[in-house]
């Protein structure tokens, strides 16, 4: 059988905590590889790449020394959702749109959310209340192939 022998609706993995630094990306990918044992390899690869991009964005935009939290759940046995929360600044995640094709080709950065948009079924963000200690959660959802 593919994906999992038994799909459990509403499955939640324990949260993972990382320092808001690029040096954590290998650990993020390794943790996801362990957490997603039994899922289709292409899905695992996509989730690892997307989550790495989200954590890299957190490291870039969050306050220095901030903690990044990764959560993951399986909704209705059909949608895998991964989310990254950080204590960053007031920026709103968005894909830059004022670029020509040539400008995109030569751009050094700001391609992460474009990659997320192309690999995930959907994505979005949530702004936390100021009192929470966190600023933003960015999530990405992936449809699972039917068994």
N, C-alpha and C. Protein backbone atom coordinates (compact mmCIF):
# COMPACT_ATOMS: atom_id res chain seq x y z
N UNK A 1 0.83 -1.19 0.00
CA UNK A 1 0.00 0.00 0.00
C UNK A 1 0.87 1.24 0.00
N UNK A 2 0.36 2.29 -0.60
CA UNK A 2 1.12 3.54 -0.60
C UNK A 2 0.68 4.43 0.54
N UNK A 3 1.45 5.46 0.78
CA UNK A 3 1.25 6.49 1.80
C UNK A 3 1.31 5.90 3.20
N UNK A 4 0.28 5.34 3.72
CA UNK A 4 0.28 4.66 5.02
C UNK A 4 -0.64 3.46 4.90
N UNK A 5 -0.38 2.42 5.67
CA UNK A 5 -1.28 1.27 5.64
C UNK A 5 -2.68 1.68 6.10
N UNK A 6 -2.73 2.51 7.12
CA UNK A 6 -4.01 3.01 7.62
C UNK A 6 -3.89 4.52 7.74
N UNK A 7 -4.79 5.24 7.14
CA UNK A 7 -4.81 6.70 7.26
C UNK A 7 -5.67 7.05 8.47
N UNK A 8 -5.11 7.84 9.37
CA UNK A 8 -5.82 8.25 10.57
C UNK A 8 -6.19 9.73 10.42
N UNK A 9 -7.49 10.04 10.28
CA UNK A 9 -7.88 11.45 10.18
C UNK A 9 -7.48 12.21 11.44
N UNK A 10 -7.02 13.43 11.25
CA UNK A 10 -6.66 14.25 12.40
C UNK A 10 -5.39 13.81 13.10
N UNK A 11 -4.43 13.28 12.36
CA UNK A 11 -3.15 12.85 12.95
C UNK A 11 -2.24 14.06 13.12
N UNK A 12 -1.73 14.24 14.33
CA UNK A 12 -0.84 15.37 14.63
C UNK A 12 0.51 14.84 15.08
N UNK A 13 1.57 15.34 14.49
CA UNK A 13 2.92 15.00 14.91
C UNK A 13 3.34 15.94 16.04
N UNK A 14 4.26 15.51 16.90
CA UNK A 14 4.78 16.45 17.92
C UNK A 14 5.47 17.62 17.22
N UNK A 15 5.35 18.79 17.82
CA UNK A 15 6.00 19.96 17.22
C UNK A 15 7.52 19.81 17.33
N UNK A 16 8.22 20.48 16.45
CA UNK A 16 9.69 20.51 16.46
C UNK A 16 10.13 21.96 16.62
N UNK A 17 11.17 22.16 17.41
CA UNK A 17 11.69 23.50 17.68
C UNK A 17 13.11 23.61 17.15
N UNK A 18 13.41 24.72 16.49
CA UNK A 18 14.73 24.95 15.90
C UNK A 18 15.18 26.38 16.21
N UNK A 19 16.49 26.54 16.26
CA UNK A 19 17.04 27.90 16.32
C UNK A 19 16.76 28.55 14.97
N UNK A 20 16.48 29.82 14.94
CA UNK A 20 16.19 30.53 13.69
C UNK A 20 17.44 30.81 12.90
N UNK A 21 18.13 29.74 12.49
CA UNK A 21 19.40 29.87 11.77
C UNK A 21 19.43 28.91 10.58
N UNK A 22 20.11 29.31 9.53
CA UNK A 22 20.21 28.46 8.34
C UNK A 22 20.91 27.14 8.62
N UNK A 23 21.76 27.11 9.63
CA UNK A 23 22.48 25.87 9.97
C UNK A 23 21.52 24.77 10.43
N UNK A 24 20.28 25.09 10.71
CA UNK A 24 19.29 24.11 11.17
C UNK A 24 18.59 23.37 10.02
N UNK A 25 18.82 23.79 8.78
CA UNK A 25 18.06 23.23 7.67
C UNK A 25 18.28 21.73 7.48
N UNK A 26 19.49 21.25 7.67
CA UNK A 26 19.74 19.80 7.54
C UNK A 26 18.95 19.03 8.60
N UNK A 27 18.88 19.57 9.80
CA UNK A 27 18.12 18.93 10.88
C UNK A 27 16.61 18.94 10.57
N UNK A 28 16.14 20.04 10.01
CA UNK A 28 14.72 20.14 9.62
C UNK A 28 14.39 19.03 8.62
N UNK A 29 15.22 18.88 7.59
CA UNK A 29 14.98 17.84 6.57
C UNK A 29 15.08 16.44 7.16
N UNK A 30 16.06 16.21 8.02
CA UNK A 30 16.21 14.89 8.64
C UNK A 30 15.00 14.55 9.51
N UNK A 31 14.54 15.51 10.31
CA UNK A 31 13.36 15.28 11.15
C UNK A 31 12.14 14.94 10.30
N UNK A 32 11.95 15.66 9.21
CA UNK A 32 10.82 15.37 8.33
C UNK A 32 10.94 13.99 7.70
N UNK A 33 12.15 13.60 7.33
CA UNK A 33 12.36 12.27 6.78
C UNK A 33 11.94 11.19 7.76
N UNK A 34 12.27 11.38 9.03
CA UNK A 34 11.86 10.42 10.07
C UNK A 34 10.35 10.48 10.32
N UNK A 35 9.82 11.68 10.37
CA UNK A 35 8.39 11.84 10.67
C UNK A 35 7.50 11.29 9.55
N UNK A 36 7.98 11.29 8.34
CA UNK A 36 7.16 10.91 7.19
C UNK A 36 7.50 9.53 6.63
N UNK A 37 8.12 8.68 7.43
CA UNK A 37 8.39 7.31 6.99
C UNK A 37 7.06 6.66 6.62
N UNK A 38 7.01 6.00 5.48
CA UNK A 38 5.80 5.34 5.02
C UNK A 38 5.01 6.15 4.01
N UNK A 39 5.35 7.42 3.85
CA UNK A 39 4.70 8.24 2.84
C UNK A 39 5.45 8.12 1.52
N UNK A 40 4.80 8.49 0.43
CA UNK A 40 5.41 8.43 -0.90
C UNK A 40 6.68 9.28 -0.93
N UNK A 41 7.79 8.74 -1.49
CA UNK A 41 9.05 9.49 -1.52
C UNK A 41 8.95 10.86 -2.20
N UNK A 42 8.16 10.98 -3.27
CA UNK A 42 8.02 12.28 -3.94
C UNK A 42 7.36 13.30 -3.02
N UNK A 43 6.38 12.85 -2.25
CA UNK A 43 5.73 13.74 -1.29
C UNK A 43 6.71 14.17 -0.21
N UNK A 44 7.47 13.22 0.31
CA UNK A 44 8.46 13.53 1.36
C UNK A 44 9.47 14.56 0.83
N UNK A 45 9.95 14.35 -0.40
CA UNK A 45 10.90 15.31 -0.99
C UNK A 45 10.29 16.71 -1.09
N UNK A 46 9.05 16.78 -1.56
CA UNK A 46 8.39 18.09 -1.70
C UNK A 46 8.20 18.76 -0.35
N UNK A 47 7.77 17.99 0.66
CA UNK A 47 7.56 18.56 1.99
C UNK A 47 8.89 19.03 2.58
N UNK A 48 9.95 18.24 2.39
CA UNK A 48 11.26 18.64 2.90
C UNK A 48 11.73 19.94 2.24
N UNK A 49 11.57 20.05 0.94
CA UNK A 49 12.03 21.24 0.23
C UNK A 49 11.21 22.47 0.63
N UNK A 50 9.90 22.33 0.66
CA UNK A 50 9.03 23.45 1.03
C UNK A 50 9.31 23.89 2.47
N UNK A 51 9.40 22.94 3.38
CA UNK A 51 9.63 23.30 4.78
C UNK A 51 11.00 23.94 4.95
N UNK A 52 12.00 23.46 4.24
CA UNK A 52 13.32 24.09 4.29
C UNK A 52 13.23 25.54 3.84
N UNK A 53 12.47 25.81 2.80
CA UNK A 53 12.30 27.20 2.33
C UNK A 53 11.60 28.05 3.38
N UNK A 54 10.58 27.50 4.03
CA UNK A 54 9.86 28.26 5.06
C UNK A 54 10.76 28.55 6.26
N UNK A 55 11.56 27.56 6.67
CA UNK A 55 12.48 27.78 7.80
C UNK A 55 13.57 28.77 7.40
N UNK A 56 14.06 28.69 6.16
CA UNK A 56 15.06 29.65 5.69
C UNK A 56 14.49 31.07 5.71
N UNK A 57 13.24 31.23 5.29
CA UNK A 57 12.61 32.55 5.36
C UNK A 57 12.50 33.02 6.80
N UNK A 58 12.15 32.11 7.70
CA UNK A 58 12.08 32.48 9.12
C UNK A 58 13.44 32.94 9.62
N UNK A 59 14.49 32.22 9.23
CA UNK A 59 15.84 32.61 9.67
C UNK A 59 16.21 33.98 9.11
N UNK A 60 15.75 34.29 7.91
CA UNK A 60 16.08 35.57 7.29
C UNK A 60 15.30 36.73 7.90
N UNK A 61 14.03 36.52 8.19
CA UNK A 61 13.17 37.63 8.59
C UNK A 61 12.87 37.70 10.09
N UNK A 62 13.13 36.62 10.83
CA UNK A 62 12.82 36.62 12.26
C UNK A 62 13.87 37.40 13.04
N UNK A 63 13.52 37.74 14.26
CA UNK A 63 14.48 38.42 15.12
C UNK A 63 15.66 37.51 15.40
N UNK A 64 16.86 38.05 15.51
CA UNK A 64 18.04 37.23 15.83
C UNK A 64 17.83 36.47 17.14
N UNK A 65 18.25 35.21 17.14
CA UNK A 65 18.12 34.37 18.33
C UNK A 65 16.72 33.83 18.54
N UNK A 66 15.84 34.05 17.59
CA UNK A 66 14.46 33.59 17.73
C UNK A 66 14.32 32.10 17.47
N UNK A 67 13.28 31.53 18.03
CA UNK A 67 12.98 30.11 17.87
C UNK A 67 11.97 29.94 16.74
N UNK A 68 12.16 28.89 15.96
CA UNK A 68 11.24 28.55 14.88
C UNK A 68 10.55 27.24 15.27
N UNK A 69 9.24 27.20 15.16
CA UNK A 69 8.46 26.01 15.50
C UNK A 69 7.88 25.42 14.23
N UNK A 70 8.05 24.10 14.05
CA UNK A 70 7.44 23.41 12.92
C UNK A 70 6.37 22.47 13.46
N UNK A 71 5.16 22.60 12.92
CA UNK A 71 4.07 21.68 13.26
C UNK A 71 3.62 20.99 11.99
N UNK A 72 2.98 19.83 12.17
CA UNK A 72 2.52 19.08 11.01
C UNK A 72 1.32 18.24 11.41
N UNK A 73 0.35 18.17 10.51
CA UNK A 73 -0.83 17.35 10.78
C UNK A 73 -1.37 16.78 9.47
N UNK A 74 -2.12 15.71 9.62
CA UNK A 74 -2.80 15.07 8.49
C UNK A 74 -4.29 15.31 8.70
N UNK A 75 -4.89 16.09 7.82
CA UNK A 75 -6.29 16.47 7.95
C UNK A 75 -7.17 15.57 7.10
N UNK A 76 -8.18 15.00 7.69
CA UNK A 76 -9.15 14.16 6.97
C UNK A 76 -8.50 13.01 6.21
N UNK A 77 -7.29 12.64 6.58
CA UNK A 77 -6.61 11.54 5.90
C UNK A 77 -6.21 11.85 4.48
N UNK A 78 -6.38 13.11 4.03
CA UNK A 78 -6.11 13.44 2.64
C UNK A 78 -5.18 14.62 2.44
N UNK A 79 -5.03 15.45 3.46
CA UNK A 79 -4.24 16.67 3.31
C UNK A 79 -3.18 16.72 4.40
N UNK A 80 -1.94 16.75 3.98
CA UNK A 80 -0.82 16.91 4.91
C UNK A 80 -0.50 18.40 4.98
N UNK A 81 -0.51 18.93 6.19
CA UNK A 81 -0.26 20.36 6.36
C UNK A 81 0.94 20.55 7.28
N UNK A 82 1.91 21.33 6.81
CA UNK A 82 3.08 21.67 7.60
C UNK A 82 3.07 23.19 7.80
N UNK A 83 3.45 23.61 9.01
CA UNK A 83 3.44 25.05 9.32
C UNK A 83 4.72 25.42 10.05
N UNK A 84 5.21 26.61 9.78
CA UNK A 84 6.41 27.13 10.43
C UNK A 84 6.04 28.47 11.07
N UNK A 85 6.29 28.58 12.37
CA UNK A 85 5.97 29.79 13.13
C UNK A 85 7.24 30.41 13.65
N UNK A 86 7.30 31.75 13.64
CA UNK A 86 8.50 32.43 14.13
C UNK A 86 8.14 33.75 14.79
N UNK A 87 9.06 34.28 15.60
CA UNK A 87 8.83 35.57 16.25
C UNK A 87 9.36 36.73 15.41
N UNK A 88 9.12 36.67 14.13
CA UNK A 88 9.69 37.66 13.21
C UNK A 88 9.07 39.02 13.31
N UNK A 89 9.40 39.82 12.33
CA UNK A 89 8.92 41.19 12.28
C UNK A 89 7.54 41.28 11.66
N UNK A 90 7.13 42.48 11.31
CA UNK A 90 5.77 42.71 10.82
C UNK A 90 5.58 42.43 9.33
N UNK A 91 6.55 41.81 8.68
CA UNK A 91 6.41 41.57 7.24
C UNK A 91 5.33 40.53 6.97
N UNK A 92 4.68 40.67 5.83
CA UNK A 92 3.67 39.71 5.40
C UNK A 92 4.26 38.89 4.27
N UNK A 93 4.24 37.58 4.38
CA UNK A 93 4.80 36.76 3.31
C UNK A 93 4.07 37.00 1.99
N UNK A 94 4.83 37.22 0.94
CA UNK A 94 4.24 37.42 -0.38
C UNK A 94 5.25 37.08 -1.45
N UNK A 95 4.75 36.73 -2.60
CA UNK A 95 5.59 36.47 -3.76
C UNK A 95 5.76 37.78 -4.51
N UNK A 96 7.00 38.21 -4.75
CA UNK A 96 7.20 39.45 -5.51
C UNK A 96 6.57 39.31 -6.90
N UNK A 97 5.86 40.33 -7.33
CA UNK A 97 5.17 40.23 -8.62
C UNK A 97 5.67 41.23 -9.65
N UNK A 98 6.38 42.25 -9.24
CA UNK A 98 6.82 43.28 -10.18
C UNK A 98 8.18 42.92 -10.79
N UNK A 99 8.25 41.79 -11.45
CA UNK A 99 9.49 41.38 -12.10
C UNK A 99 9.19 40.84 -13.48
N UNK A 100 10.09 41.12 -14.39
CA UNK A 100 10.00 40.52 -15.72
C UNK A 100 10.61 39.13 -15.65
N UNK A 101 10.42 38.35 -16.71
CA UNK A 101 11.02 37.02 -16.75
C UNK A 101 12.54 37.10 -16.64
N UNK A 102 13.14 38.09 -17.31
CA UNK A 102 14.60 38.27 -17.22
C UNK A 102 15.03 38.62 -15.81
N UNK A 103 14.26 39.45 -15.12
CA UNK A 103 14.60 39.81 -13.74
C UNK A 103 14.50 38.58 -12.83
N UNK A 104 13.49 37.74 -13.05
CA UNK A 104 13.40 36.50 -12.26
C UNK A 104 14.61 35.61 -12.53
N UNK A 105 15.02 35.52 -13.79
CA UNK A 105 16.16 34.67 -14.15
C UNK A 105 17.44 35.11 -13.46
N UNK A 106 17.61 36.41 -13.28
CA UNK A 106 18.85 36.90 -12.68
C UNK A 106 18.73 37.20 -11.19
N UNK A 107 17.56 37.01 -10.62
CA UNK A 107 17.36 37.32 -9.19
C UNK A 107 18.17 36.37 -8.31
N UNK A 108 18.77 36.91 -7.29
CA UNK A 108 19.57 36.12 -6.35
C UNK A 108 18.72 35.47 -5.27
N UNK A 109 17.58 36.02 -4.99
CA UNK A 109 16.75 35.49 -3.92
C UNK A 109 15.28 35.73 -4.17
N UNK A 110 14.50 35.59 -3.13
CA UNK A 110 13.06 35.80 -3.15
C UNK A 110 12.33 34.84 -4.08
N UNK A 111 12.85 33.64 -4.18
CA UNK A 111 12.16 32.62 -4.97
C UNK A 111 11.51 31.56 -4.09
N UNK A 112 11.76 31.63 -2.79
CA UNK A 112 11.29 30.59 -1.88
C UNK A 112 9.79 30.40 -1.90
N UNK A 113 9.02 31.48 -1.79
CA UNK A 113 7.56 31.34 -1.78
C UNK A 113 7.02 30.95 -3.15
N UNK A 114 7.71 31.33 -4.20
CA UNK A 114 7.32 30.88 -5.54
C UNK A 114 7.46 29.37 -5.64
N UNK A 115 8.54 28.84 -5.07
CA UNK A 115 8.75 27.40 -5.04
C UNK A 115 7.65 26.74 -4.20
N UNK A 116 7.34 27.32 -3.03
CA UNK A 116 6.28 26.79 -2.17
C UNK A 116 4.97 26.75 -2.94
N UNK A 117 4.65 27.83 -3.63
CA UNK A 117 3.39 27.88 -4.39
C UNK A 117 3.32 26.81 -5.47
N UNK A 118 4.45 26.48 -6.07
CA UNK A 118 4.46 25.50 -7.14
C UNK A 118 4.47 24.06 -6.66
N UNK A 119 4.99 23.79 -5.47
CA UNK A 119 5.07 22.42 -4.96
C UNK A 119 3.90 22.04 -4.07
N UNK A 120 3.36 22.99 -3.33
CA UNK A 120 2.25 22.71 -2.42
C UNK A 120 0.92 22.88 -3.15
N UNK A 121 -0.09 22.20 -2.64
CA UNK A 121 -1.44 22.36 -3.18
C UNK A 121 -1.96 23.76 -2.87
N UNK A 122 -1.66 24.23 -1.67
CA UNK A 122 -2.04 25.58 -1.26
C UNK A 122 -1.10 26.03 -0.15
N UNK A 123 -1.06 27.32 0.10
CA UNK A 123 -0.25 27.85 1.19
C UNK A 123 -0.87 29.16 1.65
N UNK A 124 -0.48 29.58 2.83
CA UNK A 124 -0.98 30.83 3.36
C UNK A 124 -0.23 31.20 4.62
N UNK A 125 -0.71 32.21 5.29
CA UNK A 125 -0.05 32.62 6.53
C UNK A 125 -1.08 33.13 7.53
N UNK A 126 -0.65 33.20 8.75
CA UNK A 126 -1.47 33.65 9.87
C UNK A 126 -0.61 34.60 10.70
N UNK A 127 -1.14 35.75 11.01
CA UNK A 127 -0.44 36.70 11.88
C UNK A 127 -0.91 36.46 13.32
N UNK A 128 0.03 36.14 14.20
CA UNK A 128 -0.30 35.91 15.61
C UNK A 128 -0.58 37.23 16.32
N UNK A 129 -1.36 37.19 17.40
CA UNK A 129 -1.51 38.40 18.22
C UNK A 129 -0.17 38.80 18.82
N UNK A 130 0.03 40.08 19.00
CA UNK A 130 1.31 40.59 19.50
C UNK A 130 1.72 39.96 20.83
N UNK A 131 0.76 39.69 21.71
CA UNK A 131 1.06 39.16 23.04
C UNK A 131 1.55 37.72 23.01
N UNK A 132 1.44 37.02 21.88
CA UNK A 132 1.76 35.59 21.83
C UNK A 132 3.25 35.29 21.85
N UNK A 133 4.08 36.27 21.50
CA UNK A 133 5.52 36.01 21.39
C UNK A 133 5.93 35.53 20.01
N UNK A 134 4.95 35.26 19.16
CA UNK A 134 5.22 34.88 17.78
C UNK A 134 4.61 35.93 16.87
N UNK A 135 5.11 36.00 15.65
CA UNK A 135 4.61 37.00 14.72
C UNK A 135 3.82 36.36 13.58
N UNK A 136 4.40 35.34 12.96
CA UNK A 136 3.82 34.80 11.74
C UNK A 136 3.91 33.28 11.71
N UNK A 137 2.87 32.67 11.18
CA UNK A 137 2.91 31.25 10.85
C UNK A 137 2.63 31.14 9.35
N UNK A 138 3.52 30.47 8.64
CA UNK A 138 3.30 30.21 7.22
C UNK A 138 3.07 28.71 7.08
N UNK A 139 2.03 28.33 6.36
CA UNK A 139 1.69 26.92 6.22
C UNK A 139 1.63 26.54 4.74
N UNK A 140 1.82 25.26 4.50
CA UNK A 140 1.68 24.70 3.16
C UNK A 140 0.94 23.38 3.28
N UNK A 141 0.05 23.13 2.35
CA UNK A 141 -0.75 21.90 2.36
C UNK A 141 -0.45 21.08 1.11
N UNK A 142 -0.49 19.77 1.29
CA UNK A 142 -0.19 18.83 0.21
C UNK A 142 -1.30 17.79 0.16
N UNK A 143 -1.92 17.62 -1.00
CA UNK A 143 -2.92 16.56 -1.17
C UNK A 143 -2.20 15.23 -1.28
N UNK A 144 -2.73 14.22 -0.60
CA UNK A 144 -2.17 12.89 -0.69
C UNK A 144 -2.83 12.15 -1.85
N UNK A 145 -2.06 11.30 -2.52
CA UNK A 145 -2.63 10.47 -3.57
C UNK A 145 -3.57 9.46 -2.93
N UNK A 146 -4.70 9.19 -3.57
CA UNK A 146 -5.61 8.18 -3.01
C UNK A 146 -4.95 6.81 -3.00
N UNK A 147 -5.30 6.04 -2.01
CA UNK A 147 -4.73 4.69 -1.88
C UNK A 147 -5.45 3.75 -2.82
